[in-house]
Amino acid sequence: MKRVRTGLEELLARPSRLRGSRVGLIANPTAVTPDLTHAALHLKALKGTKLAALFGPEHGVFANAQDLEEVGDQKDAKTGLRVWSLYGETRVPTAKMLKGLDTLVFDVQDVGSRYYTFIYTMLHAMQACAEHGVRLIVLDRPNPINGMGVQGNVLDPRFLSFVGMHPLAVRHGMTVGELALMFADELGLSLDLEVVPMKGYRRAMDFEDTGLPWVLPSPNMPTVDTAVVYPGGCLIEGTNLSEGRGTTRPFHLVGAPWLDPWKLADDLSRAELSGLGFRPCYFTPTFQKHAGVVCGGVEVHITDRRRVDAFYAYLVLIEKARAQDKKKFAWRKPPYEYEFVKPPIDILCGTSDVREAIEAGRPVKKMKDQFESEARAFEVIRKPYLLYS
């Protein structure tokens, strides 16, 4: 099998585009070549190029901070460079951060879901580069859950937030490079933008097909299978159910102290949720929700990746879990991801319709056709920006 060459590798093969530049790098541990050497070390070693600063997205440049945990500015012990945080006092690169730079390079592995904030760090970088006249180079990487599947509703612009800054489908099926082209065009951003495409990438590839090493993009994204369920698993954050943080199976384990795991597993099995199996279980989170308390729930197993619609499946899971005890179940309250008014479940769903339907007892199943219709419409919208067949 031929290995995919990332945008980073393609840039390093033709480094002349950086010659004479003072460069800032937005990255985390995923910005590596196949031998696991970090982009910062590669760029620092380039002759005629000055790597002057690093920038860290959510979880930090070292991806050691938990979700919703702000990160301060720091110094990188290996390179000696200043590390500016883009998930702390600000999420937008400031004039002070960009001072003296003529090029900003973005190299972060995305996971293919609308909620994952790295793509909005890229969008903020695009806005800042447009304002301050800095060139932006986006180094493309694979969509690990493939670039074919498009699922879930499209975000209503009234629910814009840092977990949804653009009207994307939940599972958008795009790479970061393709998203950069979409953002620039649809938002009318005037900037010097260059996307460095991958070589050998095909849309139908799962991450394992690329031959590239999987590096955790965030502390609770340990495997590619986690990324597969994340378009639904992240919705659990909008409830008082545990999404398995504080366990070794985040987003696969879902539960709460009051849930009957066998009833939940039976209800989900009868719901005909393709590509998934549900094992009744107990687990005890070591941190975050219900830390130190035994939770009943399910472990979500993938039986066929190609058939999984995680967004729909986890909405059904929420519906069935809530039905067991409507008094003990609760929607998470704001603040959440810098939104202080709207319920977290609403900004994750990109609409209040889903929450209101569940509260009114209207089956999630009746919304499935609408989700699929919006996904098909988004497939048409995204088409002009696709770089790979």
Protein backbone atom coordinates (compact mmCIF):
# COMPACT_ATOMS: atom_id res chain seq x y z
CA MET A 1 0.00 0.00 0.00
CA LYS A 2 1.31 3.43 -0.93
CA ARG A 3 1.33 5.82 1.99
CA VAL A 4 -0.38 9.21 1.84
CA ARG A 5 1.97 12.18 1.93
CA THR A 6 0.65 14.95 4.15
CA GLY A 7 0.69 18.65 3.42
CA LEU A 8 3.61 18.95 5.85
CA GLU A 9 5.66 16.46 3.84
CA GLU A 10 4.81 18.22 0.60
CA LEU A 11 5.86 21.56 2.10
CA LEU A 12 9.16 20.15 3.34
CA ALA A 13 9.83 18.67 -0.11
CA ARG A 14 9.54 22.16 -1.62
CA PRO A 15 10.57 24.55 1.17
CA SER A 16 11.29 27.46 -1.17
CA ARG A 17 7.82 28.89 -0.47
CA LEU A 18 9.01 29.64 3.08
CA ARG A 19 12.47 30.99 2.19
CA GLY A 20 13.07 34.40 3.70
CA SER A 21 9.96 34.16 5.90
CA ARG A 22 9.45 34.71 9.60
CA VAL A 23 7.00 31.95 10.44
CA GLY A 24 4.49 31.19 13.16
CA LEU A 25 3.18 27.62 13.48
CA ILE A 26 -0.28 26.65 14.76
CA ALA A 27 0.11 23.04 15.82
CA ASN A 28 -0.30 20.34 18.43
CA PRO A 29 1.30 16.87 18.73
CA THR A 30 -0.44 15.67 15.55
CA ALA A 31 1.79 17.88 13.39
CA VAL A 32 4.34 15.17 12.66
CA THR A 33 5.97 13.49 9.71
CA PRO A 34 5.57 9.67 9.51
CA ASP A 35 8.78 9.19 11.53
CA LEU A 36 7.03 11.15 14.33
CA THR A 37 9.28 14.22 14.06
CA HIS A 38 7.30 17.35 14.89
CA ALA A 39 6.72 20.11 12.34
CA ALA A 40 8.31 22.66 14.68
CA LEU A 41 11.62 20.82 14.56
CA HIS A 42 11.43 20.49 10.78
CA LEU A 43 10.65 24.17 10.26
CA LYS A 44 13.28 25.30 12.76
CA ALA A 45 15.89 23.37 10.78
CA LEU A 46 14.96 24.89 7.40
CA LYS A 47 17.70 27.12 5.98
CA GLY A 48 16.58 30.60 5.06
CA THR A 49 13.45 30.33 7.21
CA LYS A 50 12.97 31.69 10.71
CA LEU A 51 10.46 29.85 12.90
CA ALA A 52 9.65 32.60 15.38
CA ALA A 53 6.61 31.45 17.40
CA LEU A 54 4.24 28.57 18.13
CA PHE A 55 0.48 28.77 18.62
CA GLY A 56 -1.63 26.19 20.46
CA PRO A 57 -5.32 25.39 19.80
CA GLU A 58 -7.72 23.90 22.39
CA HIS A 59 -5.93 21.44 24.72
CA GLY A 60 -2.69 23.35 24.09
CA VAL A 61 0.26 22.88 21.80
CA PHE A 62 1.13 19.73 23.80
CA ALA A 63 -2.53 18.49 23.89
CA ASN A 64 -2.26 17.88 27.63
CA ALA A 65 -5.15 20.08 28.83
CA GLN A 66 -8.63 18.60 29.29
CA ASP A 67 -11.74 19.92 27.51
CA LEU A 68 -12.90 23.42 28.49
CA GLU A 69 -9.59 23.95 30.34
CA GLU A 70 -8.05 27.24 29.31
CA VAL A 71 -4.34 27.27 28.49
CA GLY A 72 -1.92 30.08 29.17
CA ASP A 73 0.99 31.31 27.09
CA GLN A 74 4.19 29.39 27.73
CA LYS A 75 7.63 28.50 26.41
CA ASP A 76 8.45 25.36 24.46
CA ALA A 77 11.31 23.60 26.21
CA LYS A 78 12.54 21.86 23.05
CA THR A 79 12.72 24.81 20.65
CA GLY A 80 12.88 27.64 23.17
CA LEU A 81 10.09 29.40 21.29
CA ARG A 82 7.24 31.45 22.73
CA VAL A 83 3.96 29.53 22.64
CA TRP A 84 0.85 31.70 22.26
CA SER A 85 -2.40 30.16 23.46
CA LEU A 86 -5.44 30.36 21.19
CA TYR A 87 -7.65 28.83 23.85
CA GLY A 88 -7.35 31.18 26.79
CA GLU A 89 -7.65 34.94 27.01
CA THR A 90 -8.32 34.97 23.28
CA ARG A 91 -9.09 32.49 20.52
CA VAL A 92 -8.06 34.90 17.75
CA PRO A 93 -4.39 35.65 16.99
CA THR A 94 -3.78 39.26 18.03
CA ALA A 95 -1.59 41.94 16.45
CA LYS A 96 0.89 41.40 19.30
CA MET A 97 1.08 37.66 18.58
CA LEU A 98 1.54 38.23 14.85
CA LYS A 99 4.05 41.07 15.17
CA GLY A 100 7.12 40.40 13.05
CA LEU A 101 5.57 37.40 11.28
CA ASP A 102 4.87 37.34 7.56
CA THR A 103 3.63 33.74 7.38
CA LEU A 104 1.41 31.62 9.61
CA VAL A 105 1.37 27.85 9.06
CA PHE A 106 -1.55 25.68 10.26
CA ASP A 107 -0.93 21.96 10.75
CA VAL A 108 -3.44 20.22 13.05
CA GLN A 109 -5.20 16.87 12.58
CA ASP A 110 -8.99 17.28 12.55
CA VAL A 111 -11.47 14.45 13.30
CA GLY A 112 -14.26 15.26 10.83
CA SER A 113 -17.00 16.58 13.15
CA ARG A 114 -18.55 20.05 13.18
CA TYR A 115 -17.97 20.50 16.92
CA TYR A 116 -14.21 19.93 16.96
CA THR A 117 -12.77 23.37 17.64
CA PHE A 118 -9.50 23.09 15.70
CA ILE A 119 -11.19 24.08 12.45
CA TYR A 120 -12.47 27.26 14.11
CA THR A 121 -9.00 28.07 15.39
CA MET A 122 -8.04 27.88 11.71
CA LEU A 123 -10.97 30.15 10.80
CA HIS A 124 -9.93 32.69 13.43
CA ALA A 125 -6.39 32.54 12.08
CA MET A 126 -7.75 33.24 8.59
CA GLN A 127 -9.64 36.27 9.90
CA ALA A 128 -6.57 37.57 11.72
CA CYS A 129 -4.31 37.04 8.71
CA ALA A 130 -6.79 38.91 6.51
CA GLU A 131 -6.82 41.82 8.95
CA HIS A 132 -3.08 42.03 9.52
CA GLY A 133 -1.75 41.13 6.07
CA VAL A 134 -0.10 37.84 7.06
CA ARG A 135 0.09 34.91 4.65
CA LEU A 136 -1.57 31.69 5.82
CA ILE A 137 -0.44 28.25 4.68
CA VAL A 138 -2.74 25.34 5.58
CA LEU A 139 -1.04 21.94 5.51
CA ASP A 140 -3.69 19.38 4.69
CA ARG A 141 -4.26 16.11 6.55
CA PRO A 142 -6.78 13.28 6.09
CA ASN A 143 -10.33 13.32 7.34
CA PRO A 144 -9.88 10.23 9.55
CA ILE A 145 -13.51 9.09 9.25
CA ASN A 146 -13.27 9.43 5.45
CA GLY A 147 -14.26 12.21 3.11
CA MET A 148 -17.35 10.52 1.69
CA GLY A 149 -19.78 10.33 4.60
CA VAL A 150 -21.89 13.44 5.18
CA GLN A 151 -24.41 13.14 8.02
CA GLY A 152 -26.45 15.18 10.44
CA ASN A 153 -28.18 18.50 10.22
CA VAL A 154 -26.65 21.77 9.04
CA LEU A 155 -26.04 24.39 11.71
CA ASP A 156 -28.55 27.26 11.89
CA PRO A 157 -26.49 30.51 11.91
CA ARG A 158 -28.53 31.71 14.89
CA PHE A 159 -26.63 29.10 16.93
CA LEU A 160 -23.09 30.04 15.95
CA SER A 161 -20.51 29.28 18.66
CA PHE A 162 -16.98 27.98 19.07
CA VAL A 163 -18.35 24.45 18.50
CA GLY A 164 -20.01 25.60 15.28
CA MET A 165 -18.82 28.78 13.58
CA HIS A 166 -20.04 27.94 10.09
CA PRO A 167 -23.14 26.19 8.65
CA LEU A 168 -21.60 22.74 8.25
CA ALA A 169 -23.23 19.33 8.45
CA VAL A 170 -22.31 17.52 11.67
CA ARG A 171 -20.19 15.01 9.78
CA HIS A 172 -18.92 17.24 6.99
CA GLY A 173 -16.66 14.83 5.10
CA MET A 174 -14.06 17.50 4.34
CA THR A 175 -10.37 18.01 5.09
CA VAL A 176 -9.05 21.10 6.83
CA GLY A 177 -7.67 22.36 3.52
CA GLU A 178 -11.05 22.04 1.86
CA LEU A 179 -12.73 23.77 4.80
CA ALA A 180 -10.23 26.63 4.54
CA LEU A 181 -11.22 27.16 0.91
CA MET A 182 -14.91 27.08 1.87
CA PHE A 183 -14.48 29.52 4.75
CA ALA A 184 -12.50 31.98 2.62
CA ASP A 185 -15.04 31.93 -0.18
CA GLU A 186 -18.31 31.84 1.75
CA LEU A 187 -17.19 34.44 4.31
CA GLY A 188 -15.56 36.69 1.72
CA LEU A 189 -12.18 36.68 3.48
CA SER A 190 -9.50 38.52 1.55
CA LEU A 191 -6.20 36.93 2.52
CA ASP A 192 -3.12 35.36 1.01
CA LEU A 193 -4.18 31.74 1.54
CA GLU A 194 -2.33 28.68 0.29
CA VAL A 195 -3.52 25.14 0.90
CA VAL A 196 -0.81 22.50 0.49
CA PRO A 197 -2.71 19.34 -0.58
CA MET A 198 -1.83 15.79 0.33
CA LYS A 199 -0.49 13.38 -2.24
CA GLY A 200 -2.12 9.98 -2.69
CA TYR A 201 -5.20 10.72 -0.58
CA ARG A 202 -8.61 9.45 -1.71
CA ARG A 203 -11.91 10.44 -0.15
CA ALA A 204 -13.02 6.90 0.63
CA MET A 205 -9.96 6.21 2.80
CA ASP A 206 -10.33 5.45 6.47
CA PHE A 207 -7.38 6.74 8.46
CA GLU A 208 -5.81 3.29 8.62
CA ASP A 209 -5.73 3.23 4.81
CA THR A 210 -3.40 6.26 4.73
CA GLY A 211 -0.42 4.49 6.31
CA LEU A 212 0.05 7.46 8.64
CA PRO A 213 0.53 7.19 12.42
CA TRP A 214 -2.44 8.11 14.62
CA VAL A 215 -1.43 10.71 17.19
CA LEU A 216 -4.02 11.75 19.79
CA PRO A 217 -5.34 15.15 18.66
CA SER A 218 -6.85 15.68 22.13
CA PRO A 219 -6.70 13.77 25.43
CA ASN A 220 -10.03 12.00 24.88
CA MET A 221 -9.54 11.01 21.24
CA PRO A 222 -7.36 7.92 21.71
CA THR A 223 -8.34 5.94 18.59
CA VAL A 224 -9.79 6.34 15.13
CA ASP A 225 -12.90 4.49 16.34
CA THR A 226 -13.37 7.28 18.89
CA ALA A 227 -13.46 9.74 16.00
CA VAL A 228 -16.07 7.56 14.26
CA VAL A 229 -18.52 7.81 17.18
CA TYR A 230 -17.62 11.42 18.08
CA PRO A 231 -20.22 13.04 15.74
CA GLY A 232 -22.76 11.60 18.19
CA GLY A 233 -20.70 11.08 21.32
CA CYS A 234 -19.96 14.77 21.70
CA LEU A 235 -23.70 15.43 22.11
CA ILE A 236 -23.54 13.71 25.51
CA GLU A 237 -21.56 16.75 26.70
CA GLY A 238 -24.84 18.68 26.45
CA THR A 239 -26.43 16.48 29.12
CA ASN A 240 -25.71 15.33 32.69
CA LEU A 241 -24.87 11.85 31.38
CA SER A 242 -21.22 10.84 31.51
CA GLU A 243 -19.64 10.61 28.06
CA GLY A 244 -16.95 8.36 29.48
CA ARG A 245 -14.39 11.03 30.26
CA GLY A 246 -12.30 9.74 33.10
CA THR A 247 -12.35 6.23 31.61
CA THR A 248 -10.26 4.48 28.96
CA ARG A 249 -13.22 4.51 26.53
CA PRO A 250 -14.35 8.14 26.18
CA PHE A 251 -17.43 8.62 23.96
CA HIS A 252 -17.90 4.85 23.74
CA LEU A 253 -19.02 4.60 27.38
CA VAL A 254 -22.19 6.53 28.22
CA GLY A 255 -24.10 6.34 31.47
CA ALA A 256 -25.29 7.80 34.77
CA PRO A 257 -25.77 6.52 38.34
CA TRP A 258 -29.55 6.11 37.92
CA LEU A 259 -29.61 4.26 34.59
CA ASP A 260 -30.57 0.60 34.13
CA PRO A 261 -27.91 -0.62 31.69
CA TRP A 262 -29.85 -3.67 30.48
CA LYS A 263 -32.98 -1.67 29.68
CA LEU A 264 -30.92 0.99 27.89
CA ALA A 265 -29.06 -1.63 25.83
CA ASP A 266 -32.32 -3.39 24.95
CA ASP A 267 -34.02 -0.14 23.93
CA LEU A 268 -31.07 0.82 21.72
CA SER A 269 -30.84 -2.62 20.15
CA ARG A 270 -34.51 -2.41 19.16
CA ALA A 271 -33.96 1.02 17.62
CA GLU A 272 -32.16 -0.51 14.61
CA LEU A 273 -29.09 1.73 14.77
CA SER A 274 -26.99 0.43 11.88
CA GLY A 275 -23.33 -0.40 12.37
CA LEU A 276 -23.45 -0.22 16.17
CA GLY A 277 -23.88 -2.65 19.03
CA PHE A 278 -24.68 -1.78 22.66
CA ARG A 279 -23.30 -3.70 25.63
CA PRO A 280 -24.86 -3.08 29.06
CA CYS A 281 -22.15 -2.16 31.53
CA TYR A 282 -21.10 -0.30 34.65
CA PHE A 283 -18.16 2.10 34.84
CA THR A 284 -16.71 4.58 37.33
CA PRO A 285 -15.30 7.82 35.91
CA THR A 286 -12.11 8.99 37.61
CA PHE A 287 -12.79 12.65 36.78
CA GLN A 288 -15.40 15.00 35.32
CA LYS A 289 -19.10 14.01 35.50
CA HIS A 290 -19.98 11.52 38.27
CA ALA A 291 -16.31 11.15 39.25
CA GLY A 292 -15.87 8.27 41.66
CA VAL A 293 -19.51 7.17 41.30
CA VAL A 294 -20.58 3.92 39.64
CA CYS A 295 -22.60 4.61 36.48
CA GLY A 296 -24.90 2.20 34.68
CA GLY A 297 -24.98 2.55 30.93
CA VAL A 298 -23.73 1.10 27.69
CA GLU A 299 -20.52 0.65 25.79
CA VAL A 300 -21.04 1.56 22.15
CA HIS A 301 -19.33 -0.93 19.85
CA ILE A 302 -18.73 -0.34 16.15
CA THR A 303 -19.73 -3.36 14.07
CA ASP A 304 -19.60 -1.74 10.62
CA ARG A 305 -18.06 1.72 10.18
CA ARG A 306 -19.66 2.27 6.79
CA ARG A 307 -23.16 2.03 8.25
CA VAL A 308 -22.69 4.17 11.36
CA ASP A 309 -24.72 7.37 11.69
CA ALA A 310 -23.40 8.46 15.07
CA PHE A 311 -25.28 11.77 15.23
CA TYR A 312 -28.65 10.07 14.93
CA ALA A 313 -27.68 7.09 17.11
CA TYR A 314 -26.55 9.17 20.08
CA LEU A 315 -29.65 11.35 19.89
CA VAL A 316 -31.67 8.15 20.24
CA LEU A 317 -29.40 7.16 23.14
CA ILE A 318 -30.15 10.48 24.87
CA GLU A 319 -33.86 10.01 24.19
CA LYS A 320 -33.88 6.49 25.71
CA ALA A 321 -31.74 7.48 28.71
CA ARG A 322 -33.96 10.48 29.48
CA ALA A 323 -37.08 8.30 29.29
CA GLN A 324 -35.81 6.16 32.18
CA ASP A 325 -35.98 9.07 34.64
CA LYS A 326 -36.99 12.50 33.36
CA LYS A 327 -36.46 14.04 36.80
CA LYS A 328 -32.87 12.87 37.18
CA PHE A 329 -31.91 13.51 33.55
CA ALA A 330 -30.95 17.12 32.83
CA TRP A 331 -29.56 19.20 30.02
CA ARG A 332 -26.20 20.75 30.83
CA LYS A 333 -26.43 24.45 31.62
CA PRO A 334 -24.19 27.16 30.17
CA PRO A 335 -21.49 28.39 30.15
CA TYR A 336 -20.02 26.01 27.62
CA GLU A 337 -17.32 26.73 25.02
CA TYR A 338 -17.63 30.51 25.54
CA GLU A 339 -21.42 30.51 25.11
CA PHE A 340 -23.12 31.93 28.21
CA VAL A 341 -26.81 31.96 27.26
CA LYS A 342 -27.87 29.15 24.93
CA PRO A 343 -28.00 25.57 26.27
CA PRO A 344 -24.93 23.53 25.28
CA ILE A 345 -27.10 20.90 23.57
CA ASP A 346 -28.56 23.61 21.33
CA ILE A 347 -25.22 24.95 20.11
CA LEU A 348 -23.97 21.39 19.58
CA CYS A 349 -27.06 20.49 17.57
CA GLY A 350 -26.97 23.87 15.85
CA THR A 351 -30.66 24.30 16.62
CA SER A 352 -33.10 24.19 19.54
CA ASP A 353 -35.45 21.93 17.54
CA VAL A 354 -33.83 18.69 18.69
CA ARG A 355 -33.99 19.49 22.40
CA GLU A 356 -37.55 20.79 22.10
CA ALA A 357 -38.66 17.66 20.24
CA ILE A 358 -37.17 15.36 22.90
CA GLU A 359 -38.75 17.40 25.68
CA ALA A 360 -42.14 17.24 23.94
CA GLY A 361 -41.90 13.47 23.57
CA ARG A 362 -41.66 13.57 19.77
CA PRO A 363 -39.53 10.60 18.64
CA VAL A 364 -36.09 11.45 17.31
CA LYS A 365 -36.83 8.95 14.55
CA LYS A 366 -39.27 11.43 13.04
CA MET A 367 -36.42 13.93 12.58
CA LYS A 368 -34.15 11.52 10.71
CA ASP A 369 -35.48 12.39 7.25
CA GLN A 370 -34.84 16.07 7.92
CA PHE A 371 -31.27 15.37 9.04
CA GLU A 372 -30.64 13.34 5.88
CA SER A 373 -32.18 16.03 3.67
CA GLU A 374 -29.90 18.69 5.14
CA ALA A 375 -26.87 16.44 4.76
CA ARG A 376 -27.65 15.87 1.06
CA ALA A 377 -28.02 19.62 0.55
CA PHE A 378 -24.63 20.20 2.20
CA GLU A 379 -23.02 17.67 -0.14
CA VAL A 380 -23.96 19.98 -3.02
CA ILE A 381 -22.69 23.09 -1.21
CA ARG A 382 -19.30 21.57 -0.41
CA LYS A 383 -18.64 20.21 -3.90
CA PRO A 384 -16.76 23.25 -5.36
CA TYR A 385 -14.20 23.10 -2.54
CA LEU A 386 -13.24 19.43 -2.73
CA LEU A 387 -9.60 18.77 -3.62
CA TYR A 388 -9.64 14.96 -3.82
CA SER A 389 -11.60 12.33 -5.69
